[in-house]
Amino acid sequence: MAANLVRFEDAQELIIDKLTSLGIFKTRSEAIRAGILELGKSYGVFKNARELEDELAVRKMSKISKELKTGKRKLLTEDEVKRKYALK
């Protein structure tokens, strides 16, 4: 997850304050995330939700693959899982 610093001025600050004070969004971060999703829809960044989900899955699989190759993540066999969690 990336962290970003966003500065609001004038109209943007007023709008985001209204969105949170009216309870439409609990936090500024939540409002920003929703806004980014709407921009993606408006500009047709992805054809549909399925395409977006596919891209997210590919990114997740790539990350896991890299972690396995670098030793940051380990795969367990079925027997190892059973022993680890005391399963029969």
PDB file of N, CA and C in Angstrom:
ATOM      1  N   MET A   1       0.856  -1.171   0.000  1.00  0.00           N
ATOM      2  CA  MET A   1       0.000   0.000   0.000  1.00  0.00           C
ATOM      3  C   MET A   1       0.897   1.228   0.000  1.00  0.00           C
ATOM      4  N   ALA A   2       0.596   2.153  -0.863  1.00  0.00           N
ATOM      5  CA  ALA A   2       1.366   3.391  -0.948  1.00  0.00           C
ATOM      6  C   ALA A   2       0.741   4.461  -0.063  1.00  0.00           C
ATOM      7  N   ALA A   3       1.595   5.274   0.513  1.00  0.00           N
ATOM      8  CA  ALA A   3       1.119   6.407   1.305  1.00  0.00           C
ATOM      9  C   ALA A   3       1.424   7.679   0.525  1.00  0.00           C
ATOM     10  N   ASN A   4       0.463   8.571   0.467  1.00  0.00           N
ATOM     11  CA  ASN A   4       0.628   9.818  -0.264  1.00  0.00           C
ATOM     12  C   ASN A   4       0.171  10.983   0.591  1.00  0.00           C
ATOM     13  N   LEU A   5       0.855  12.081   0.415  1.00  0.00           N
ATOM     14  CA  LEU A   5       0.465  13.304   1.099  1.00  0.00           C
ATOM     15  C   LEU A   5      -0.305  14.159   0.095  1.00  0.00           C
ATOM     16  N   VAL A   6      -1.510  14.572   0.481  1.00  0.00           N
ATOM     17  CA  VAL A   6      -2.338  15.392  -0.398  1.00  0.00           C
ATOM     18  C   VAL A   6      -2.673  16.678   0.330  1.00  0.00           C
ATOM     19  N   ARG A   7      -2.460  17.788  -0.330  1.00  0.00           N
ATOM     20  CA  ARG A   7      -2.788  19.091   0.257  1.00  0.00           C
ATOM     21  C   ARG A   7      -4.065  19.606  -0.403  1.00  0.00           C
ATOM     22  N   PHE A   8      -4.983  20.066   0.422  1.00  0.00           N
ATOM     23  CA  PHE A   8      -6.238  20.618  -0.076  1.00  0.00           C
ATOM     24  C   PHE A   8      -6.259  22.118   0.126  1.00  0.00           C
ATOM     25  N   GLU A   9      -6.798  22.790  -0.852  1.00  0.00           N
ATOM     26  CA  GLU A   9      -6.954  24.235  -0.738  1.00  0.00           C
ATOM     27  C   GLU A   9      -8.352  24.615  -1.220  1.00  0.00           C
ATOM     28  N   ASP A  10      -8.844  25.671  -0.681  1.00  0.00           N
ATOM     29  CA  ASP A  10     -10.074  26.304  -1.141  1.00  0.00           C
ATOM     30  C   ASP A  10     -11.218  25.319  -1.369  1.00  0.00           C
ATOM     31  N   ALA A  11     -11.686  25.210  -2.604  1.00  0.00           N
ATOM     32  CA  ALA A  11     -12.878  24.417  -2.916  1.00  0.00           C
ATOM     33  C   ALA A  11     -12.716  22.950  -2.539  1.00  0.00           C
ATOM     34  N   GLN A  12     -11.542  22.368  -2.843  1.00  0.00           N
ATOM     35  CA  GLN A  12     -11.332  20.954  -2.520  1.00  0.00           C
ATOM     36  C   GLN A  12     -11.432  20.711  -1.014  1.00  0.00           C
ATOM     37  N   GLU A  13     -10.847  21.608  -0.235  1.00  0.00           N
ATOM     38  CA  GLU A  13     -10.898  21.469   1.219  1.00  0.00           C
ATOM     39  C   GLU A  13     -12.330  21.610   1.729  1.00  0.00           C
ATOM     40  N   LEU A  14     -13.053  22.566   1.200  1.00  0.00           N
ATOM     41  CA  LEU A  14     -14.442  22.769   1.605  1.00  0.00           C
ATOM     42  C   LEU A  14     -15.289  21.543   1.277  1.00  0.00           C
ATOM     43  N   ILE A  15     -15.124  21.015   0.082  1.00  0.00           N
ATOM     44  CA  ILE A  15     -15.912  19.846  -0.347  1.00  0.00           C
ATOM     45  C   ILE A  15     -15.605  18.634   0.528  1.00  0.00           C
ATOM     46  N   ILE A  16     -14.347  18.357   0.744  1.00  0.00           N
ATOM     47  CA  ILE A  16     -14.007  17.166   1.535  1.00  0.00           C
ATOM     48  C   ILE A  16     -14.447  17.321   2.987  1.00  0.00           C
ATOM     49  N   ASP A  17     -14.385  18.538   3.514  1.00  0.00           N
ATOM     50  CA  ASP A  17     -14.879  18.775   4.875  1.00  0.00           C
ATOM     51  C   ASP A  17     -16.393  18.555   4.949  1.00  0.00           C
ATOM     52  N   LYS A  18     -17.124  19.006   3.939  1.00  0.00           N
ATOM     53  CA  LYS A  18     -18.583  18.804   3.913  1.00  0.00           C
ATOM     54  C   LYS A  18     -18.921  17.321   3.806  1.00  0.00           C
ATOM     55  N   LEU A  19     -18.199  16.602   2.942  1.00  0.00           N
ATOM     56  CA  LEU A  19     -18.457  15.168   2.764  1.00  0.00           C
ATOM     57  C   LEU A  19     -18.271  14.400   4.066  1.00  0.00           C
ATOM     58  N   THR A  20     -17.278  14.785   4.847  1.00  0.00           N
ATOM     59  CA  THR A  20     -17.056  14.081   6.112  1.00  0.00           C
ATOM     60  C   THR A  20     -17.982  14.586   7.216  1.00  0.00           C
ATOM     61  N   SER A  21     -18.222  15.889   7.266  1.00  0.00           N
ATOM     62  CA  SER A  21     -19.095  16.408   8.335  1.00  0.00           C
ATOM     63  C   SER A  21     -20.546  15.970   8.146  1.00  0.00           C
ATOM     64  N   LEU A  22     -20.969  15.764   6.903  1.00  0.00           N
ATOM     65  CA  LEU A  22     -22.327  15.282   6.641  1.00  0.00           C
ATOM     66  C   LEU A  22     -22.452  13.774   6.860  1.00  0.00           C
ATOM     67  N   GLY A  23     -21.327  13.136   7.081  1.00  0.00           N
ATOM     68  CA  GLY A  23     -21.347  11.694   7.328  1.00  0.00           C
ATOM     69  C   GLY A  23     -21.409  10.854   6.071  1.00  0.00           C
ATOM     70  N   ILE A  24     -21.230  11.474   4.919  1.00  0.00           N
ATOM     71  CA  ILE A  24     -21.231  10.714   3.669  1.00  0.00           C
ATOM     72  C   ILE A  24     -20.031   9.773   3.658  1.00  0.00           C
ATOM     73  N   PHE A  25     -18.906  10.281   4.144  1.00  0.00           N
ATOM     74  CA  PHE A  25     -17.706   9.469   4.320  1.00  0.00           C
ATOM     75  C   PHE A  25     -17.219   9.670   5.752  1.00  0.00           C
ATOM     76  N   LYS A  26     -16.677   8.603   6.344  1.00  0.00           N
ATOM     77  CA  LYS A  26     -16.200   8.695   7.721  1.00  0.00           C
ATOM     78  C   LYS A  26     -14.902   9.497   7.812  1.00  0.00           C
ATOM     79  N   THR A  27     -14.052   9.338   6.805  1.00  0.00           N
ATOM     80  CA  THR A  27     -12.750   9.999   6.839  1.00  0.00           C
ATOM     81  C   THR A  27     -12.438  10.642   5.491  1.00  0.00           C
ATOM     82  N   ARG A  28     -11.471  11.537   5.518  1.00  0.00           N
ATOM     83  CA  ARG A  28     -11.001  12.152   4.277  1.00  0.00           C
ATOM     84  C   ARG A  28     -10.419  11.080   3.345  1.00  0.00           C
ATOM     85  N   SER A  29      -9.677  10.151   3.908  1.00  0.00           N
ATOM     86  CA  SER A  29      -9.068   9.085   3.104  1.00  0.00           C
ATOM     87  C   SER A  29     -10.122   8.273   2.373  1.00  0.00           C
ATOM     88  N   GLU A  30     -11.204   7.959   3.063  1.00  0.00           N
ATOM     89  CA  GLU A  30     -12.299   7.198   2.458  1.00  0.00           C
ATOM     90  C   GLU A  30     -12.898   7.981   1.288  1.00  0.00           C
ATOM     91  N   ALA A  31     -13.083   9.274   1.457  1.00  0.00           N
ATOM     92  CA  ALA A  31     -13.635  10.122   0.400  1.00  0.00           C
ATOM     93  C   ALA A  31     -12.690  10.180  -0.794  1.00  0.00           C
ATOM     94  N   ILE A  32     -11.405  10.284  -0.534  1.00  0.00           N
ATOM     95  CA  ILE A  32     -10.423  10.335  -1.617  1.00  0.00           C
ATOM     96  C   ILE A  32     -10.417   9.029  -2.398  1.00  0.00           C
ATOM     97  N   ARG A  33     -10.433   7.904  -1.687  1.00  0.00           N
ATOM     98  CA  ARG A  33     -10.448   6.602  -2.370  1.00  0.00           C
ATOM     99  C   ARG A  33     -11.694   6.465  -3.248  1.00  0.00           C
ATOM    100  N   ALA A  34     -12.846   6.876  -2.736  1.00  0.00           N
ATOM    101  CA  ALA A  34     -14.086   6.807  -3.513  1.00  0.00           C
ATOM    102  C   ALA A  34     -13.987   7.706  -4.748  1.00  0.00           C
ATOM    103  N   GLY A  35     -13.402   8.883  -4.571  1.00  0.00           N
ATOM    104  CA  GLY A  35     -13.239   9.805  -5.689  1.00  0.00           C
ATOM    105  C   GLY A  35     -12.351   9.237  -6.777  1.00  0.00           C
ATOM    106  N   ILE A  36     -11.290   8.565  -6.381  1.00  0.00           N
ATOM    107  CA  ILE A  36     -10.381   7.959  -7.365  1.00  0.00           C
ATOM    108  C   ILE A  36     -11.091   6.854  -8.137  1.00  0.00           C
ATOM    109  N   LEU A  37     -11.886   6.055  -7.441  1.00  0.00           N
ATOM    110  CA  LEU A  37     -12.648   5.008  -8.136  1.00  0.00           C
ATOM    111  C   LEU A  37     -13.619   5.625  -9.153  1.00  0.00           C
ATOM    112  N   GLU A  38     -14.271   6.709  -8.769  1.00  0.00           N
ATOM    113  CA  GLU A  38     -15.195   7.386  -9.685  1.00  0.00           C
ATOM    114  C   GLU A  38     -14.458   7.958 -10.896  1.00  0.00           C
ATOM    115  N   LEU A  39     -13.273   8.519 -10.680  1.00  0.00           N
ATOM    116  CA  LEU A  39     -12.476   9.024 -11.802  1.00  0.00           C
ATOM    117  C   LEU A  39     -12.117   7.888 -12.759  1.00  0.00           C
ATOM    118  N   GLY A  40     -11.756   6.760 -12.196  1.00  0.00           N
ATOM    119  CA  GLY A  40     -11.453   5.596 -13.031  1.00  0.00           C
ATOM    120  C   GLY A  40     -12.632   5.193 -13.887  1.00  0.00           C
ATOM    121  N   LYS A  41     -13.831   5.207 -13.298  1.00  0.00           N
ATOM    122  CA  LYS A  41     -15.045   4.881 -14.062  1.00  0.00           C
ATOM    123  C   LYS A  41     -15.315   5.940 -15.121  1.00  0.00           C
ATOM    124  N   SER A  42     -15.216   7.202 -14.750  1.00  0.00           N
ATOM    125  CA  SER A  42     -15.511   8.308 -15.677  1.00  0.00           C
ATOM    126  C   SER A  42     -14.617   8.292 -16.903  1.00  0.00           C
ATOM    127  N   TYR A  43     -13.343   8.002 -16.687  1.00  0.00           N
ATOM    128  CA  TYR A  43     -12.387   8.036 -17.789  1.00  0.00           C
ATOM    129  C   TYR A  43     -12.177   6.677 -18.445  1.00  0.00           C
ATOM    130  N   GLY A  44     -12.937   5.693 -18.012  1.00  0.00           N
ATOM    131  CA  GLY A  44     -12.866   4.371 -18.644  1.00  0.00           C
ATOM    132  C   GLY A  44     -11.511   3.705 -18.512  1.00  0.00           C
ATOM    133  N   VAL A  45     -10.876   3.886 -17.355  1.00  0.00           N
ATOM    134  CA  VAL A  45      -9.567   3.292 -17.129  1.00  0.00           C
ATOM    135  C   VAL A  45      -9.649   1.770 -17.254  1.00  0.00           C
ATOM    136  N   PHE A  46     -10.732   1.197 -16.772  1.00  0.00           N
ATOM    137  CA  PHE A  46     -11.008  -0.224 -16.932  1.00  0.00           C
ATOM    138  C   PHE A  46     -12.377  -0.371 -17.575  1.00  0.00           C
ATOM    139  N   LYS A  47     -12.519  -1.376 -18.436  1.00  0.00           N
ATOM    140  CA  LYS A  47     -13.783  -1.580 -19.138  1.00  0.00           C
ATOM    141  C   LYS A  47     -14.917  -1.919 -18.185  1.00  0.00           C
ATOM    142  N   ASN A  48     -14.587  -2.736 -17.175  1.00  0.00           N
ATOM    143  CA  ASN A  48     -15.613  -3.166 -16.226  1.00  0.00           C
ATOM    144  C   ASN A  48     -14.957  -3.639 -14.932  1.00  0.00           C
ATOM    145  N   ALA A  49     -15.769  -3.990 -13.971  1.00  0.00           N
ATOM    146  CA  ALA A  49     -15.255  -4.421 -12.668  1.00  0.00           C
ATOM    147  C   ALA A  49     -14.413  -5.683 -12.796  1.00  0.00           C
ATOM    148  N   ARG A  50     -14.792  -6.558 -13.708  1.00  0.00           N
ATOM    149  CA  ARG A  50     -14.048  -7.815 -13.900  1.00  0.00           C
ATOM    150  C   ARG A  50     -12.612  -7.533 -14.333  1.00  0.00           C
ATOM    151  N   GLU A  51     -12.440  -6.595 -15.248  1.00  0.00           N
ATOM    152  CA  GLU A  51     -11.105  -6.242 -15.720  1.00  0.00           C
ATOM    153  C   GLU A  51     -10.256  -5.661 -14.580  1.00  0.00           C
ATOM    154  N   LEU A  52     -10.866  -4.846 -13.753  1.00  0.00           N
ATOM    155  CA  LEU A  52     -10.176  -4.275 -12.590  1.00  0.00           C
ATOM    156  C   LEU A  52      -9.762  -5.383 -11.627  1.00  0.00           C
ATOM    157  N   GLU A  53     -10.677  -6.305 -11.339  1.00  0.00           N
ATOM    158  CA  GLU A  53     -10.370  -7.425 -10.446  1.00  0.00           C
ATOM    159  C   GLU A  53      -9.247  -8.290 -11.003  1.00  0.00           C
ATOM    160  N   ASP A  54      -9.260  -8.520 -12.323  1.00  0.00           N
ATOM    161  CA  ASP A  54      -8.205  -9.312 -12.954  1.00  0.00           C
ATOM    162  C   ASP A  54      -6.840  -8.643 -12.785  1.00  0.00           C
ATOM    163  N   GLU A  55      -6.782  -7.341 -12.995  1.00  0.00           N
ATOM    164  CA  GLU A  55      -5.523  -6.601 -12.838  1.00  0.00           C
ATOM    165  C   GLU A  55      -5.021  -6.685 -11.398  1.00  0.00           C
ATOM    166  N   LEU A  56      -5.930  -6.546 -10.440  1.00  0.00           N
ATOM    167  CA  LEU A  56      -5.543  -6.654  -9.032  1.00  0.00           C
ATOM    168  C   LEU A  56      -5.017  -8.048  -8.707  1.00  0.00           C
ATOM    169  N   ALA A  57      -5.654  -9.079  -9.257  1.00  0.00           N
ATOM    170  CA  ALA A  57      -5.221 -10.457  -9.019  1.00  0.00           C
ATOM    171  C   ALA A  57      -3.830 -10.700  -9.600  1.00  0.00           C
ATOM    172  N   VAL A  58      -3.584 -10.184 -10.796  1.00  0.00           N
ATOM    173  CA  VAL A  58      -2.271 -10.339 -11.423  1.00  0.00           C
ATOM    174  C   VAL A  58      -1.195  -9.659 -10.585  1.00  0.00           C
ATOM    175  N   ARG A  59      -1.491  -8.461 -10.104  1.00  0.00           N
ATOM    176  CA  ARG A  59      -0.518  -7.745  -9.263  1.00  0.00           C
ATOM    177  C   ARG A  59      -0.226  -8.518  -7.984  1.00  0.00           C
ATOM    178  N   LYS A  60      -1.265  -9.064  -7.368  1.00  0.00           N
ATOM    179  CA  LYS A  60      -1.099  -9.826  -6.120  1.00  0.00           C
ATOM    180  C   LYS A  60      -0.270 -11.086  -6.382  1.00  0.00           C
ATOM    181  N   MET A  61      -0.563 -11.790  -7.484  1.00  0.00           N
ATOM    182  CA  MET A  61       0.193 -12.998  -7.804  1.00  0.00           C
ATOM    183  C   MET A  61       1.659 -12.679  -8.079  1.00  0.00           C
ATOM    184  N   SER A  62       1.929 -11.563  -8.752  1.00  0.00           N
ATOM    185  CA  SER A  62       3.308 -11.149  -9.015  1.00  0.00           C
ATOM    186  C   SER A  62       4.045 -10.873  -7.715  1.00  0.00           C
ATOM    187  N   LYS A  63       3.368 -10.180  -6.806  1.00  0.00           N
ATOM    188  CA  LYS A  63       3.986  -9.861  -5.513  1.00  0.00           C
ATOM    189  C   LYS A  63       4.319 -11.140  -4.746  1.00  0.00           C
ATOM    190  N   ILE A  64       3.386 -12.071  -4.704  1.00  0.00           N
ATOM    191  CA  ILE A  64       3.607 -13.329  -3.996  1.00  0.00           C
ATOM    192  C   ILE A  64       4.744 -14.109  -4.638  1.00  0.00           C
ATOM    193  N   SER A  65       4.769 -14.138  -5.961  1.00  0.00           N
ATOM    194  CA  SER A  65       5.828 -14.843  -6.680  1.00  0.00           C
ATOM    195  C   SER A  65       7.205 -14.274  -6.336  1.00  0.00           C
ATOM    196  N   LYS A  66       7.322 -12.950  -6.308  1.00  0.00           N
ATOM    197  CA  LYS A  66       8.590 -12.304  -5.946  1.00  0.00           C
ATOM    198  C   LYS A  66       8.978 -12.639  -4.513  1.00  0.00           C
ATOM    199  N   GLU A  67       8.002 -12.649  -3.605  1.00  0.00           N
ATOM    200  CA  GLU A  67       8.277 -12.970  -2.200  1.00  0.00           C
ATOM    201  C   GLU A  67       8.752 -14.406  -2.045  1.00  0.00           C
ATOM    202  N   LEU A  68       8.183 -15.312  -2.833  1.00  0.00           N
ATOM    203  CA  LEU A  68       8.620 -16.707  -2.787  1.00  0.00           C
ATOM    204  C   LEU A  68      10.058 -16.828  -3.287  1.00  0.00           C
ATOM    205  N   LYS A  69      10.374 -16.135  -4.379  1.00  0.00           N
ATOM    206  CA  LYS A  69      11.720 -16.207  -4.959  1.00  0.00           C
ATOM    207  C   LYS A  69      12.774 -15.618  -4.042  1.00  0.00           C
ATOM    208  N   THR A  70      12.430 -14.577  -3.298  1.00  0.00           N
ATOM    209  CA  THR A  70      13.400 -13.928  -2.412  1.00  0.00           C
ATOM    210  C   THR A  70      13.413 -14.533  -1.016  1.00  0.00           C
ATOM    211  N   GLY A  71      12.544 -15.486  -0.761  1.00  0.00           N
ATOM    212  CA  GLY A  71      12.510 -16.134   0.543  1.00  0.00           C
ATOM    213  C   GLY A  71      11.715 -15.394   1.602  1.00  0.00           C
ATOM    214  N   LYS A  72      11.010 -14.350   1.223  1.00  0.00           N
ATOM    215  CA  LYS A  72      10.196 -13.607   2.189  1.00  0.00           C
ATOM    216  C   LYS A  72       8.895 -14.329   2.513  1.00  0.00           C
ATOM    217  N   ARG A  73       8.531 -15.281   1.682  1.00  0.00           N
ATOM    218  CA  ARG A  73       7.300 -16.053   1.880  1.00  0.00           C
ATOM    219  C   ARG A  73       7.645 -17.520   1.645  1.00  0.00           C
ATOM    220  N   LYS A  74       7.020 -18.416   2.397  1.00  0.00           N
ATOM    221  CA  LYS A  74       7.285 -19.837   2.272  1.00  0.00           C
ATOM    222  C   LYS A  74       5.981 -20.596   2.057  1.00  0.00           C
ATOM    223  N   LEU A  75       6.023 -21.539   1.137  1.00  0.00           N
ATOM    224  CA  LEU A  75       4.872 -22.408   0.936  1.00  0.00           C
ATOM    225  C   LEU A  75       4.995 -23.610   1.859  1.00  0.00           C
ATOM    226  N   LEU A  76       3.881 -24.009   2.425  1.00  0.00           N
ATOM    227  CA  LEU A  76       3.855 -25.180   3.297  1.00  0.00           C
ATOM    228  C   LEU A  76       3.135 -26.319   2.592  1.00  0.00           C
ATOM    229  N   THR A  77       3.598 -27.518   2.826  1.00  0.00           N
ATOM    230  CA  THR A  77       2.892 -28.681   2.302  1.00  0.00           C
ATOM    231  C   THR A  77       1.650 -28.919   3.159  1.00  0.00           C
ATOM    232  N   GLU A  78       0.780 -29.776   2.679  1.00  0.00           N
ATOM    233  CA  GLU A  78      -0.423 -30.102   3.445  1.00  0.00           C
ATOM    234  C   GLU A  78      -0.054 -30.691   4.803  1.00  0.00           C
ATOM    235  N   ASP A  79       0.942 -31.564   4.831  1.00  0.00           N
ATOM    236  CA  ASP A  79       1.368 -32.175   6.091  1.00  0.00           C
ATOM    237  C   ASP A  79       1.933 -31.130   7.051  1.00  0.00           C
ATOM    238  N   GLU A  80       2.688 -30.163   6.532  1.00  0.00           N
ATOM    239  CA  GLU A  80       3.245 -29.112   7.382  1.00  0.00           C
ATOM    240  C   GLU A  80       2.136 -28.256   7.999  1.00  0.00           C
ATOM    241  N   VAL A  81       1.116 -27.970   7.226  1.00  0.00           N
ATOM    242  CA  VAL A  81      -0.018 -27.180   7.731  1.00  0.00           C
ATOM    243  C   VAL A  81      -0.743 -27.954   8.821  1.00  0.00           C
ATOM    244  N   LYS A  82      -0.960 -29.244   8.573  1.00  0.00           N
ATOM    245  CA  LYS A  82      -1.638 -30.066   9.580  1.00  0.00           C
ATOM    246  C   LYS A  82      -0.871 -30.095  10.892  1.00  0.00           C
ATOM    247  N   ARG A  83       0.457 -30.242  10.795  1.00  0.00           N
ATOM    248  CA  ARG A  83       1.289 -30.259  12.011  1.00  0.00           C
ATOM    249  C   ARG A  83       1.248 -28.884  12.695  1.00  0.00           C
ATOM    250  N   LYS A  84       1.419 -27.848  11.903  1.00  0.00           N
ATOM    251  CA  LYS A  84       1.470 -26.491  12.461  1.00  0.00           C
ATOM    252  C   LYS A  84       0.210 -26.141  13.238  1.00  0.00           C
ATOM    253  N   TYR A  85      -0.948 -26.529  12.712  1.00  0.00           N
ATOM    254  CA  TYR A  85      -2.223 -26.165  13.328  1.00  0.00           C
ATOM    255  C   TYR A  85      -2.897 -27.325  14.051  1.00  0.00           C
ATOM    256  N   ALA A  86      -2.143 -28.382  14.278  1.00  0.00           N
ATOM    257  CA  ALA A  86      -2.626 -29.566  15.000  1.00  0.00           C
ATOM    258  C   ALA A  86      -3.929 -30.100  14.409  1.00  0.00           C
ATOM    259  N   LEU A  87      -3.920 -30.264  13.102  1.00  0.00           N
ATOM    260  CA  LEU A  87      -5.103 -30.781  12.398  1.00  0.00           C
ATOM    261  C   LEU A  87      -4.896 -32.264  12.110  1.00  0.00           C
ATOM    262  N   LYS A  88      -5.996 -32.970  11.920  1.00  0.00           N
ATOM    263  CA  LYS A  88      -5.914 -34.409  11.605  1.00  0.00           C
ATOM    264  C   LYS A  88      -6.003 -34.637  10.138  1.00  0.00           C
TER     265      LYS A  88
END
